């Protein structure tokens, strides 16, 4: 038996907006720099709920996962913000996710 998910059902458009914001950081060094230096401006560019915006602003990966963010996009966004892979990065990234579980992912 797997762990029960902490997630609530999110409207598909809300998840789409959140994943689009993550994709924007993953695919753009300029956006990665903006979320690091001026996260409020970055999140205002997307139709996010207050909870989603707060999680993204604070790079709260556990909350992002619980809100329905796609785990691949979360990881790639975090890697872009970090500037590259290291074991230290991986441990910092995965540590807060230990008590969270994946949702069913449909692409």
PDB file of N, CA and C in Angstrom:
ATOM      1  N   UNK A   1       0.835  -1.182   0.000  1.00  0.00           N
ATOM      2  CA  UNK A   1       0.000   0.000   0.000  1.00  0.00           C
ATOM      3  C   UNK A   1       0.880   1.246   0.000  1.00  0.00           C
ATOM      4  N   UNK A   2       0.583   2.198  -0.858  1.00  0.00           N
ATOM      5  CA  UNK A   2       1.313   3.453  -0.896  1.00  0.00           C
ATOM      6  C   UNK A   2       0.785   4.432   0.130  1.00  0.00           C
ATOM      7  N   UNK A   3       1.555   5.462   0.326  1.00  0.00           N
ATOM      8  CA  UNK A   3       1.108   6.516   1.226  1.00  0.00           C
ATOM      9  C   UNK A   3      -0.034   7.275   0.606  1.00  0.00           C
ATOM     10  N   UNK A   4      -0.880   7.746   1.446  1.00  0.00           N
ATOM     11  CA  UNK A   4      -2.000   8.548   0.978  1.00  0.00           C
ATOM     12  C   UNK A   4      -1.498   9.941   0.615  1.00  0.00           C
ATOM     13  N   UNK A   5      -1.970  10.463  -0.470  1.00  0.00           N
ATOM     14  CA  UNK A   5      -1.558  11.780  -0.931  1.00  0.00           C
ATOM     15  C   UNK A   5      -2.098  12.870  -0.024  1.00  0.00           C
ATOM     16  N   UNK A   6      -1.275  13.900   0.188  1.00  0.00           N
ATOM     17  CA  UNK A   6      -1.688  15.080   0.950  1.00  0.00           C
ATOM     18  C   UNK A   6      -2.473  16.055   0.080  1.00  0.00           C
ATOM     19  N   UNK A   7      -2.606  15.770  -1.188  1.00  0.00           N
ATOM     20  CA  UNK A   7      -3.137  16.721  -2.150  1.00  0.00           C
ATOM     21  C   UNK A   7      -4.651  16.793  -2.158  1.00  0.00           C
ATOM     22  N   UNK A   8      -5.115  17.991  -2.438  1.00  0.00           N
ATOM     23  CA  UNK A   8      -6.529  18.209  -2.718  1.00  0.00           C
ATOM     24  C   UNK A   8      -6.663  18.241  -4.238  1.00  0.00           C
ATOM     25  N   UNK A   9      -7.857  17.953  -4.739  1.00  0.00           N
ATOM     26  CA  UNK A   9      -8.091  18.048  -6.177  1.00  0.00           C
ATOM     27  C   UNK A   9      -8.033  19.510  -6.584  1.00  0.00           C
ATOM     28  N   UNK A  10      -7.247  19.831  -7.583  1.00  0.00           N
ATOM     29  CA  UNK A  10      -7.109  21.194  -8.086  1.00  0.00           C
ATOM     30  C   UNK A  10      -7.783  21.272  -9.444  1.00  0.00           C
ATOM     31  N   UNK A  11      -8.371  22.411  -9.754  1.00  0.00           N
ATOM     32  CA  UNK A  11      -8.939  22.580 -11.097  1.00  0.00           C
ATOM     33  C   UNK A  11      -7.835  22.471 -12.147  1.00  0.00           C
ATOM     34  N   UNK A  12      -8.103  21.805 -13.272  1.00  0.00           N
ATOM     35  CA  UNK A  12      -7.074  21.631 -14.297  1.00  0.00           C
ATOM     36  C   UNK A  12      -6.442  22.938 -14.757  1.00  0.00           C
ATOM     37  N   UNK A  13      -7.219  24.017 -14.881  1.00  0.00           N
ATOM     38  CA  UNK A  13      -6.637  25.281 -15.332  1.00  0.00           C
ATOM     39  C   UNK A  13      -5.698  25.862 -14.296  1.00  0.00           C
ATOM     40  N   UNK A  14      -5.974  25.641 -13.024  1.00  0.00           N
ATOM     41  CA  UNK A  14      -5.079  26.105 -11.974  1.00  0.00           C
ATOM     42  C   UNK A  14      -3.749  25.360 -12.055  1.00  0.00           C
ATOM     43  N   UNK A  15      -3.812  24.054 -12.225  1.00  0.00           N
ATOM     44  CA  UNK A  15      -2.588  23.263 -12.362  1.00  0.00           C
ATOM     45  C   UNK A  15      -1.844  23.680 -13.626  1.00  0.00           C
ATOM     46  N   UNK A  16      -2.564  23.943 -14.699  1.00  0.00           N
ATOM     47  CA  UNK A  16      -1.939  24.376 -15.949  1.00  0.00           C
ATOM     48  C   UNK A  16      -1.182  25.683 -15.742  1.00  0.00           C
ATOM     49  N   UNK A  17      -1.783  26.642 -15.059  1.00  0.00           N
ATOM     50  CA  UNK A  17      -1.118  27.928 -14.809  1.00  0.00           C
ATOM     51  C   UNK A  17       0.139  27.725 -13.973  1.00  0.00           C
ATOM     52  N   UNK A  18       0.052  26.881 -12.966  1.00  0.00           N
ATOM     53  CA  UNK A  18       1.209  26.609 -12.115  1.00  0.00           C
ATOM     54  C   UNK A  18       2.320  25.937 -12.918  1.00  0.00           C
ATOM     55  N   UNK A  19       1.978  24.924 -13.684  1.00  0.00           N
ATOM     56  CA  UNK A  19       2.987  24.243 -14.494  1.00  0.00           C
ATOM     57  C   UNK A  19       3.581  25.172 -15.552  1.00  0.00           C
ATOM     58  N   UNK A  20       2.785  26.066 -16.098  1.00  0.00           N
ATOM     59  CA  UNK A  20       3.290  27.036 -17.068  1.00  0.00           C
ATOM     60  C   UNK A  20       4.320  27.956 -16.422  1.00  0.00           C
ATOM     61  N   UNK A  21       4.065  28.378 -15.196  1.00  0.00           N
ATOM     62  CA  UNK A  21       5.023  29.219 -14.470  1.00  0.00           C
ATOM     63  C   UNK A  21       6.327  28.457 -14.216  1.00  0.00           C
ATOM     64  N   UNK A  22       6.222  27.183 -13.851  1.00  0.00           N
ATOM     65  CA  UNK A  22       7.421  26.362 -13.637  1.00  0.00           C
ATOM     66  C   UNK A  22       8.191  26.191 -14.943  1.00  0.00           C
ATOM     67  N   UNK A  23       7.462  25.923 -16.027  1.00  0.00           N
ATOM     68  CA  UNK A  23       8.077  25.762 -17.351  1.00  0.00           C
ATOM     69  C   UNK A  23       8.827  27.034 -17.744  1.00  0.00           C
ATOM     70  N   UNK A  24       8.237  28.178 -17.446  1.00  0.00           N
ATOM     71  CA  UNK A  24       8.880  29.446 -17.773  1.00  0.00           C
ATOM     72  C   UNK A  24      10.234  29.603 -17.105  1.00  0.00           C
ATOM     73  N   UNK A  25      10.360  29.119 -15.889  1.00  0.00           N
ATOM     74  CA  UNK A  25      11.642  29.189 -15.175  1.00  0.00           C
ATOM     75  C   UNK A  25      12.610  28.148 -15.727  1.00  0.00           C
ATOM     76  N   UNK A  26      12.115  26.951 -15.948  1.00  0.00           N
ATOM     77  CA  UNK A  26      12.942  25.852 -16.462  1.00  0.00           C
ATOM     78  C   UNK A  26      13.565  26.210 -17.809  1.00  0.00           C
ATOM     79  N   UNK A  27      12.831  26.899 -18.654  1.00  0.00           N
ATOM     80  CA  UNK A  27      13.292  27.152 -20.018  1.00  0.00           C
ATOM     81  C   UNK A  27      13.963  28.504 -20.213  1.00  0.00           C
ATOM     82  N   UNK A  28      14.060  29.318 -19.174  1.00  0.00           N
ATOM     83  CA  UNK A  28      14.612  30.658 -19.344  1.00  0.00           C
ATOM     84  C   UNK A  28      15.506  31.055 -18.172  1.00  0.00           C
ATOM     85  N   UNK A  29      16.770  31.300 -18.470  1.00  0.00           N
ATOM     86  CA  UNK A  29      17.690  31.775 -17.436  1.00  0.00           C
ATOM     87  C   UNK A  29      17.230  33.127 -16.897  1.00  0.00           C
ATOM     88  N   UNK A  30      16.672  33.966 -17.765  1.00  0.00           N
ATOM     89  CA  UNK A  30      16.168  35.275 -17.335  1.00  0.00           C
ATOM     90  C   UNK A  30      15.037  35.110 -16.315  1.00  0.00           C
ATOM     91  N   UNK A  31      14.116  34.190 -16.568  1.00  0.00           N
ATOM     92  CA  UNK A  31      13.030  33.944 -15.608  1.00  0.00           C
ATOM     93  C   UNK A  31      13.564  33.346 -14.313  1.00  0.00           C
ATOM     94  N   UNK A  32      14.562  32.472 -14.416  1.00  0.00           N
ATOM     95  CA  UNK A  32      15.170  31.898 -13.206  1.00  0.00           C
ATOM     96  C   UNK A  32      15.795  32.998 -12.363  1.00  0.00           C
ATOM     97  N   UNK A  33      16.443  33.932 -13.013  1.00  0.00           N
ATOM     98  CA  UNK A  33      17.040  35.060 -12.284  1.00  0.00           C
ATOM     99  C   UNK A  33      15.950  35.920 -11.645  1.00  0.00           C
ATOM    100  N   UNK A  34      14.854  36.123 -12.362  1.00  0.00           N
ATOM    101  CA  UNK A  34      13.771  36.941 -11.812  1.00  0.00           C
ATOM    102  C   UNK A  34      13.125  36.282 -10.592  1.00  0.00           C
ATOM    103  N   UNK A  35      12.911  34.974 -10.621  1.00  0.00           N
ATOM    104  CA  UNK A  35      12.292  34.319  -9.464  1.00  0.00           C
ATOM    105  C   UNK A  35      13.244  34.357  -8.272  1.00  0.00           C
ATOM    106  N   UNK A  36      14.546  34.394  -8.526  1.00  0.00           N
ATOM    107  CA  UNK A  36      15.530  34.517  -7.441  1.00  0.00           C
ATOM    108  C   UNK A  36      15.557  35.921  -6.861  1.00  0.00           C
ATOM    109  N   UNK A  37      15.525  36.927  -7.732  1.00  0.00           N
ATOM    110  CA  UNK A  37      15.741  38.303  -7.282  1.00  0.00           C
ATOM    111  C   UNK A  37      14.464  39.095  -7.049  1.00  0.00           C
ATOM    112  N   UNK A  38      13.404  38.786  -7.793  1.00  0.00           N
ATOM    113  CA  UNK A  38      12.154  39.530  -7.670  1.00  0.00           C
ATOM    114  C   UNK A  38      10.972  38.587  -7.900  1.00  0.00           C
ATOM    115  N   UNK A  39      10.776  37.641  -6.982  1.00  0.00           N
ATOM    116  CA  UNK A  39       9.746  36.619  -7.195  1.00  0.00           C
ATOM    117  C   UNK A  39       8.336  37.184  -7.307  1.00  0.00           C
ATOM    118  N   UNK A  40       8.058  38.273  -6.627  1.00  0.00           N
ATOM    119  CA  UNK A  40       6.710  38.858  -6.676  1.00  0.00           C
ATOM    120  C   UNK A  40       6.343  39.260  -8.102  1.00  0.00           C
ATOM    121  N   UNK A  41       7.271  39.882  -8.789  1.00  0.00           N
ATOM    122  CA  UNK A  41       7.026  40.287 -10.175  1.00  0.00           C
ATOM    123  C   UNK A  41       6.805  39.064 -11.062  1.00  0.00           C
ATOM    124  N   UNK A  42       7.602  38.027 -10.857  1.00  0.00           N
ATOM    125  CA  UNK A  42       7.447  36.827 -11.685  1.00  0.00           C
ATOM    126  C   UNK A  42       6.081  36.186 -11.485  1.00  0.00           C
ATOM    127  N   UNK A  43       5.660  35.966 -10.259  1.00  0.00           N
ATOM    128  CA  UNK A  43       4.390  35.262 -10.028  1.00  0.00           C
ATOM    129  C   UNK A  43       3.194  36.083 -10.492  1.00  0.00           C
ATOM    130  N   UNK A  44       3.310  37.415 -10.493  1.00  0.00           N
ATOM    131  CA  UNK A  44       2.204  38.256 -10.963  1.00  0.00           C
ATOM    132  C   UNK A  44       1.909  38.043 -12.443  1.00  0.00           C
ATOM    133  N   UNK A  45       2.854  37.499 -13.175  1.00  0.00           N
ATOM    134  CA  UNK A  45       2.666  37.261 -14.603  1.00  0.00           C
ATOM    135  C   UNK A  45       1.839  36.021 -14.924  1.00  0.00           C
ATOM    136  N   UNK A  46       1.379  35.317 -13.900  1.00  0.00           N
ATOM    137  CA  UNK A  46       0.631  34.072 -14.103  1.00  0.00           C
ATOM    138  C   UNK A  46      -0.657  34.097 -13.298  1.00  0.00           C
ATOM    139  N   UNK A  47      -1.654  33.391 -13.772  1.00  0.00           N
ATOM    140  CA  UNK A  47      -2.962  33.339 -13.112  1.00  0.00           C
ATOM    141  C   UNK A  47      -2.939  32.258 -12.026  1.00  0.00           C
ATOM    142  N   UNK A  48      -2.216  32.552 -10.943  1.00  0.00           N
ATOM    143  CA  UNK A  48      -2.042  31.596  -9.851  1.00  0.00           C
ATOM    144  C   UNK A  48      -2.946  31.950  -8.687  1.00  0.00           C
ATOM    145  N   UNK A  49      -3.342  30.931  -7.934  1.00  0.00           N
ATOM    146  CA  UNK A  49      -4.047  31.195  -6.681  1.00  0.00           C
ATOM    147  C   UNK A  49      -3.037  31.791  -5.704  1.00  0.00           C
ATOM    148  N   UNK A  50      -3.526  32.386  -4.633  1.00  0.00           N
ATOM    149  CA  UNK A  50      -2.629  32.956  -3.619  1.00  0.00           C
ATOM    150  C   UNK A  50      -1.716  31.875  -3.048  1.00  0.00           C
ATOM    151  N   UNK A  51      -2.263  30.685  -2.835  1.00  0.00           N
ATOM    152  CA  UNK A  51      -1.486  29.570  -2.279  1.00  0.00           C
ATOM    153  C   UNK A  51      -0.386  29.121  -3.253  1.00  0.00           C
ATOM    154  N   UNK A  52      -0.725  29.048  -4.531  1.00  0.00           N
ATOM    155  CA  UNK A  52       0.263  28.667  -5.547  1.00  0.00           C
ATOM    156  C   UNK A  52       1.360  29.719  -5.655  1.00  0.00           C
ATOM    157  N   UNK A  53       0.955  30.990  -5.693  1.00  0.00           N
ATOM    158  CA  UNK A  53       1.929  32.077  -5.796  1.00  0.00           C
ATOM    159  C   UNK A  53       2.880  32.069  -4.606  1.00  0.00           C
ATOM    160  N   UNK A  54       2.345  31.849  -3.413  1.00  0.00           N
ATOM    161  CA  UNK A  54       3.172  31.815  -2.212  1.00  0.00           C
ATOM    162  C   UNK A  54       4.170  30.656  -2.278  1.00  0.00           C
ATOM    163  N   UNK A  55       3.706  29.482  -2.678  1.00  0.00           N
ATOM    164  CA  UNK A  55       4.596  28.320  -2.774  1.00  0.00           C
ATOM    165  C   UNK A  55       5.695  28.550  -3.805  1.00  0.00           C
ATOM    166  N   UNK A  56       5.355  29.152  -4.934  1.00  0.00           N
ATOM    167  CA  UNK A  56       6.349  29.411  -5.969  1.00  0.00           C
ATOM    168  C   UNK A  56       7.327  30.493  -5.527  1.00  0.00           C
ATOM    169  N   UNK A  57       6.814  31.570  -4.973  1.00  0.00           N
ATOM    170  CA  UNK A  57       7.662  32.662  -4.476  1.00  0.00           C
ATOM    171  C   UNK A  57       8.713  32.150  -3.491  1.00  0.00           C
ATOM    172  N   UNK A  58       8.286  31.242  -2.615  1.00  0.00           N
ATOM    173  CA  UNK A  58       9.165  30.726  -1.561  1.00  0.00           C
ATOM    174  C   UNK A  58       9.884  29.435  -1.948  1.00  0.00           C
ATOM    175  N   UNK A  59       9.696  28.999  -3.186  1.00  0.00           N
ATOM    176  CA  UNK A  59      10.285  27.752  -3.668  1.00  0.00           C
ATOM    177  C   UNK A  59      10.037  26.622  -2.671  1.00  0.00           C
ATOM    178  N   UNK A  60       8.780  26.537  -2.237  1.00  0.00           N
ATOM    179  CA  UNK A  60       8.341  25.507  -1.302  1.00  0.00           C
ATOM    180  C   UNK A  60       7.907  24.295  -2.131  1.00  0.00           C
ATOM    181  N   UNK A  61       8.844  23.398  -2.388  1.00  0.00           N
ATOM    182  CA  UNK A  61       8.596  22.296  -3.308  1.00  0.00           C
ATOM    183  C   UNK A  61       7.578  21.298  -2.773  1.00  0.00           C
ATOM    184  N   UNK A  62       7.530  21.104  -1.471  1.00  0.00           N
ATOM    185  CA  UNK A  62       6.503  20.237  -0.892  1.00  0.00           C
ATOM    186  C   UNK A  62       5.117  20.786  -1.158  1.00  0.00           C
ATOM    187  N   UNK A  63       4.945  22.088  -0.942  1.00  0.00           N
ATOM    188  CA  UNK A  63       3.647  22.724  -1.200  1.00  0.00           C
ATOM    189  C   UNK A  63       3.319  22.684  -2.688  1.00  0.00           C
ATOM    190  N   UNK A  64       4.308  22.950  -3.547  1.00  0.00           N
ATOM    191  CA  UNK A  64       4.066  22.897  -4.990  1.00  0.00           C
ATOM    192  C   UNK A  64       3.593  21.509  -5.413  1.00  0.00           C
ATOM    193  N   UNK A  65       4.239  20.477  -4.888  1.00  0.00           N
ATOM    194  CA  UNK A  65       3.833  19.112  -5.212  1.00  0.00           C
ATOM    195  C   UNK A  65       2.413  18.842  -4.733  1.00  0.00           C
ATOM    196  N   UNK A  66       2.110  19.257  -3.506  1.00  0.00           N
ATOM    197  CA  UNK A  66       0.762  19.062  -2.964  1.00  0.00           C
ATOM    198  C   UNK A  66      -0.292  19.828  -3.756  1.00  0.00           C
ATOM    199  N   UNK A  67       0.104  20.950  -4.341  1.00  0.00           N
ATOM    200  CA  UNK A  67      -0.830  21.758  -5.123  1.00  0.00           C
ATOM    201  C   UNK A  67      -1.034  21.207  -6.533  1.00  0.00           C
ATOM    202  N   UNK A  68      -0.274  20.182  -6.886  1.00  0.00           N
ATOM    203  CA  UNK A  68      -0.476  19.537  -8.179  1.00  0.00           C
ATOM    204  C   UNK A  68       0.570  19.836  -9.224  1.00  0.00           C
ATOM    205  N   UNK A  69       1.648  20.524  -8.854  1.00  0.00           N
ATOM    206  CA  UNK A  69       2.702  20.818  -9.823  1.00  0.00           C
ATOM    207  C   UNK A  69       3.300  19.518 -10.348  1.00  0.00           C
ATOM    208  N   UNK A  70       3.681  19.535 -11.615  1.00  0.00           N
ATOM    209  CA  UNK A  70       4.283  18.356 -12.231  1.00  0.00           C
ATOM    210  C   UNK A  70       5.695  18.178 -11.667  1.00  0.00           C
ATOM    211  N   UNK A  71       6.021  16.989 -11.147  1.00  0.00           N
ATOM    212  CA  UNK A  71       7.323  16.795 -10.498  1.00  0.00           C
ATOM    213  C   UNK A  71       8.517  16.996 -11.431  1.00  0.00           C
ATOM    214  N   UNK A  72       8.383  16.661 -12.707  1.00  0.00           N
ATOM    215  CA  UNK A  72       9.478  16.895 -13.653  1.00  0.00           C
ATOM    216  C   UNK A  72       9.755  18.385 -13.781  1.00  0.00           C
ATOM    217  N   UNK A  73       8.698  19.184 -13.921  1.00  0.00           N
ATOM    218  CA  UNK A  73       8.877  20.628 -14.058  1.00  0.00           C
ATOM    219  C   UNK A  73       9.435  21.237 -12.776  1.00  0.00           C
ATOM    220  N   UNK A  74       8.987  20.742 -11.632  1.00  0.00           N
ATOM    221  CA  UNK A  74       9.527  21.230 -10.354  1.00  0.00           C
ATOM    222  C   UNK A  74      11.031  20.983 -10.282  1.00  0.00           C
ATOM    223  N   UNK A  75      11.435  19.762 -10.598  1.00  0.00           N
ATOM    224  CA  UNK A  75      12.853  19.409 -10.522  1.00  0.00           C
ATOM    225  C   UNK A  75      13.677  20.244 -11.500  1.00  0.00           C
ATOM    226  N   UNK A  76      13.217  20.347 -12.735  1.00  0.00           N
ATOM    227  CA  UNK A  76      13.967  21.104 -13.739  1.00  0.00           C
ATOM    228  C   UNK A  76      14.033  22.590 -13.383  1.00  0.00           C
ATOM    229  N   UNK A  77      12.946  23.134 -12.803  1.00  0.00           N
ATOM    230  CA  UNK A  77      12.963  24.521 -12.347  1.00  0.00           C
ATOM    231  C   UNK A  77      13.999  24.695 -11.239  1.00  0.00           C
ATOM    232  N   UNK A  78      13.979  23.797 -10.258  1.00  0.00           N
ATOM    233  CA  UNK A  78      14.922  23.883  -9.138  1.00  0.00           C
ATOM    234  C   UNK A  78      16.363  23.773  -9.630  1.00  0.00           C
ATOM    235  N   UNK A  79      16.598  22.889 -10.578  1.00  0.00           N
ATOM    236  CA  UNK A  79      17.931  22.717 -11.140  1.00  0.00           C
ATOM    237  C   UNK A  79      18.383  23.981 -11.869  1.00  0.00           C
ATOM    238  N   UNK A  80      17.477  24.608 -12.602  1.00  0.00           N
ATOM    239  CA  UNK A  80      17.807  25.855 -13.310  1.00  0.00           C
ATOM    240  C   UNK A  80      18.147  26.964 -12.311  1.00  0.00           C
ATOM    241  N   UNK A  81      17.338  27.091 -11.269  1.00  0.00           N
ATOM    242  CA  UNK A  81      17.586  28.117 -10.253  1.00  0.00           C
ATOM    243  C   UNK A  81      18.927  27.870  -9.565  1.00  0.00           C
ATOM    244  N   UNK A  82      19.224  26.608  -9.302  1.00  0.00           N
ATOM    245  CA  UNK A  82      20.482  26.226  -8.640  1.00  0.00           C
ATOM    246  C   UNK A  82      21.691  26.525  -9.514  1.00  0.00           C
ATOM    247  N   UNK A  83      21.509  26.404 -10.821  1.00  0.00           N
ATOM    248  CA  UNK A  83      22.610  26.650 -11.740  1.00  0.00           C
ATOM    249  C   UNK A  83      23.334  25.385 -12.178  1.00  0.00           C
ATOM    250  N   UNK A  84      22.873  24.240 -11.731  1.00  0.00           N
ATOM    251  CA  UNK A  84      23.475  22.973 -12.135  1.00  0.00           C
ATOM    252  C   UNK A  84      23.346  21.930 -11.046  1.00  0.00           C
ATOM    253  N   UNK A  85      23.663  20.704 -11.414  1.00  0.00           N
ATOM    254  CA  UNK A  85      23.490  19.571 -10.511  1.00  0.00           C
ATOM    255  C   UNK A  85      24.663  19.433  -9.549  1.00  0.00           C
ATOM    256  N   UNK A  86      24.350  19.056  -8.324  1.00  0.00           N
ATOM    257  CA  UNK A  86      25.339  18.611  -7.341  1.00  0.00           C
ATOM    258  C   UNK A  86      24.609  17.701  -6.353  1.00  0.00           C
ATOM    259  N   UNK A  87      25.353  16.886  -5.650  1.00  0.00           N
ATOM    260  CA  UNK A  87      24.744  16.024  -4.635  1.00  0.00           C
ATOM    261  C   UNK A  87      24.114  16.884  -3.542  1.00  0.00           C
ATOM    262  N   UNK A  88      24.787  17.961  -3.155  1.00  0.00           N
ATOM    263  CA  UNK A  88      24.215  18.869  -2.144  1.00  0.00           C
ATOM    264  C   UNK A  88      22.871  19.420  -2.600  1.00  0.00           C
ATOM    265  N   UNK A  89      22.790  19.838  -3.871  1.00  0.00           N
ATOM    266  CA  UNK A  89      21.520  20.328  -4.414  1.00  0.00           C
ATOM    267  C   UNK A  89      20.446  19.250  -4.304  1.00  0.00           C
ATOM    268  N   UNK A  90      20.774  18.040  -4.735  1.00  0.00           N
ATOM    269  CA  UNK A  90      19.795  16.960  -4.729  1.00  0.00           C
ATOM    270  C   UNK A  90      19.286  16.674  -3.314  1.00  0.00           C
ATOM    271  N   UNK A  91      20.172  16.670  -2.348  1.00  0.00           N
ATOM    272  CA  UNK A  91      19.760  16.438  -0.964  1.00  0.00           C
ATOM    273  C   UNK A  91      18.867  17.567  -0.455  1.00  0.00           C
ATOM    274  N   UNK A  92      19.220  18.814  -0.768  1.00  0.00           N
ATOM    275  CA  UNK A  92      18.384  19.957  -0.350  1.00  0.00           C
ATOM    276  C   UNK A  92      17.024  19.919  -1.033  1.00  0.00           C
ATOM    277  N   UNK A  93      16.994  19.511  -2.283  1.00  0.00           N
ATOM    278  CA  UNK A  93      15.744  19.455  -3.036  1.00  0.00           C
ATOM    279  C   UNK A  93      14.844  18.329  -2.529  1.00  0.00           C
ATOM    280  N   UNK A  94      15.404  17.145  -2.351  1.00  0.00           N
ATOM    281  CA  UNK A  94      14.595  15.982  -1.977  1.00  0.00           C
ATOM    282  C   UNK A  94      14.194  15.962  -0.507  1.00  0.00           C
ATOM    283  N   UNK A  95      15.004  16.533   0.362  1.00  0.00           N
ATOM    284  CA  UNK A  95      14.711  16.511   1.795  1.00  0.00           C
ATOM    285  C   UNK A  95      13.296  16.947   2.139  1.00  0.00           C
ATOM    286  N   UNK A  96      12.866  18.122   1.689  1.00  0.00           N
ATOM    287  CA  UNK A  96      11.513  18.589   2.020  1.00  0.00           C
ATOM    288  C   UNK A  96      10.390  17.787   1.353  1.00  0.00           C
ATOM    289  N   UNK A  97      10.718  16.941   0.394  1.00  0.00           N
ATOM    290  CA  UNK A  97       9.693  16.162  -0.313  1.00  0.00           C
ATOM    291  C   UNK A  97       9.446  14.791   0.312  1.00  0.00           C
ATOM    292  N   UNK A  98      10.201  14.437   1.319  1.00  0.00           N
ATOM    293  CA  UNK A  98      10.125  13.091   1.905  1.00  0.00           C
ATOM    294  C   UNK A  98       8.727  12.688   2.363  1.00  0.00           C
ATOM    295  N   UNK A  99       7.963  13.579   2.922  1.00  0.00           N
ATOM    296  CA  UNK A  99       6.637  13.237   3.456  1.00  0.00           C
ATOM    297  C   UNK A  99       5.505  13.543   2.486  1.00  0.00           C
ATOM    298  N   UNK A 100       5.841  13.700   1.224  1.00  0.00           N
ATOM    299  CA  UNK A 100       4.840  14.011   0.199  1.00  0.00           C
ATOM    300  C   UNK A 100       4.792  12.859  -0.794  1.00  0.00           C
ATOM    301  N   UNK A 101       3.675  12.727  -1.482  1.00  0.00           N
ATOM    302  CA  UNK A 101       3.558  11.663  -2.478  1.00  0.00           C
ATOM    303  C   UNK A 101       3.124  12.240  -3.814  1.00  0.00           C
ATOM    304  N   UNK A 102       3.415  11.489  -4.859  1.00  0.00           N
ATOM    305  CA  UNK A 102       3.070  11.919  -6.212  1.00  0.00           C
ATOM    306  C   UNK A 102       1.600  11.683  -6.495  1.00  0.00           C
ATOM    307  N   UNK A 103       1.049  12.557  -7.305  1.00  0.00           N
ATOM    308  CA  UNK A 103      -0.320  12.375  -7.788  1.00  0.00           C
ATOM    309  C   UNK A 103      -0.244  11.584  -9.084  1.00  0.00           C
ATOM    310  N   UNK A 104      -1.400  11.168  -9.572  1.00  0.00           N
ATOM    311  CA  UNK A 104      -1.446  10.568 -10.897  1.00  0.00           C
ATOM    312  C   UNK A 104      -1.131  11.659 -11.905  1.00  0.00           C
ATOM    313  N   UNK A 105      -0.224  11.381 -12.804  1.00  0.00           N
ATOM    314  CA  UNK A 105       0.209  12.382 -13.767  1.00  0.00           C
ATOM    315  C   UNK A 105      -0.349  12.017 -15.132  1.00  0.00           C
ATOM    316  N   UNK A 106      -1.082  12.938 -15.721  1.00  0.00           N
ATOM    317  CA  UNK A 106      -1.635  12.759 -17.054  1.00  0.00           C
ATOM    318  C   UNK A 106      -1.025  13.827 -17.934  1.00  0.00           C
ATOM    319  N   UNK A 107      -0.447  13.408 -19.053  1.00  0.00           N
ATOM    320  CA  UNK A 107       0.137  14.385 -19.974  1.00  0.00           C
ATOM    321  C   UNK A 107      -0.529  14.298 -21.311  1.00  0.00           C
TER     322      UNK A 107
END
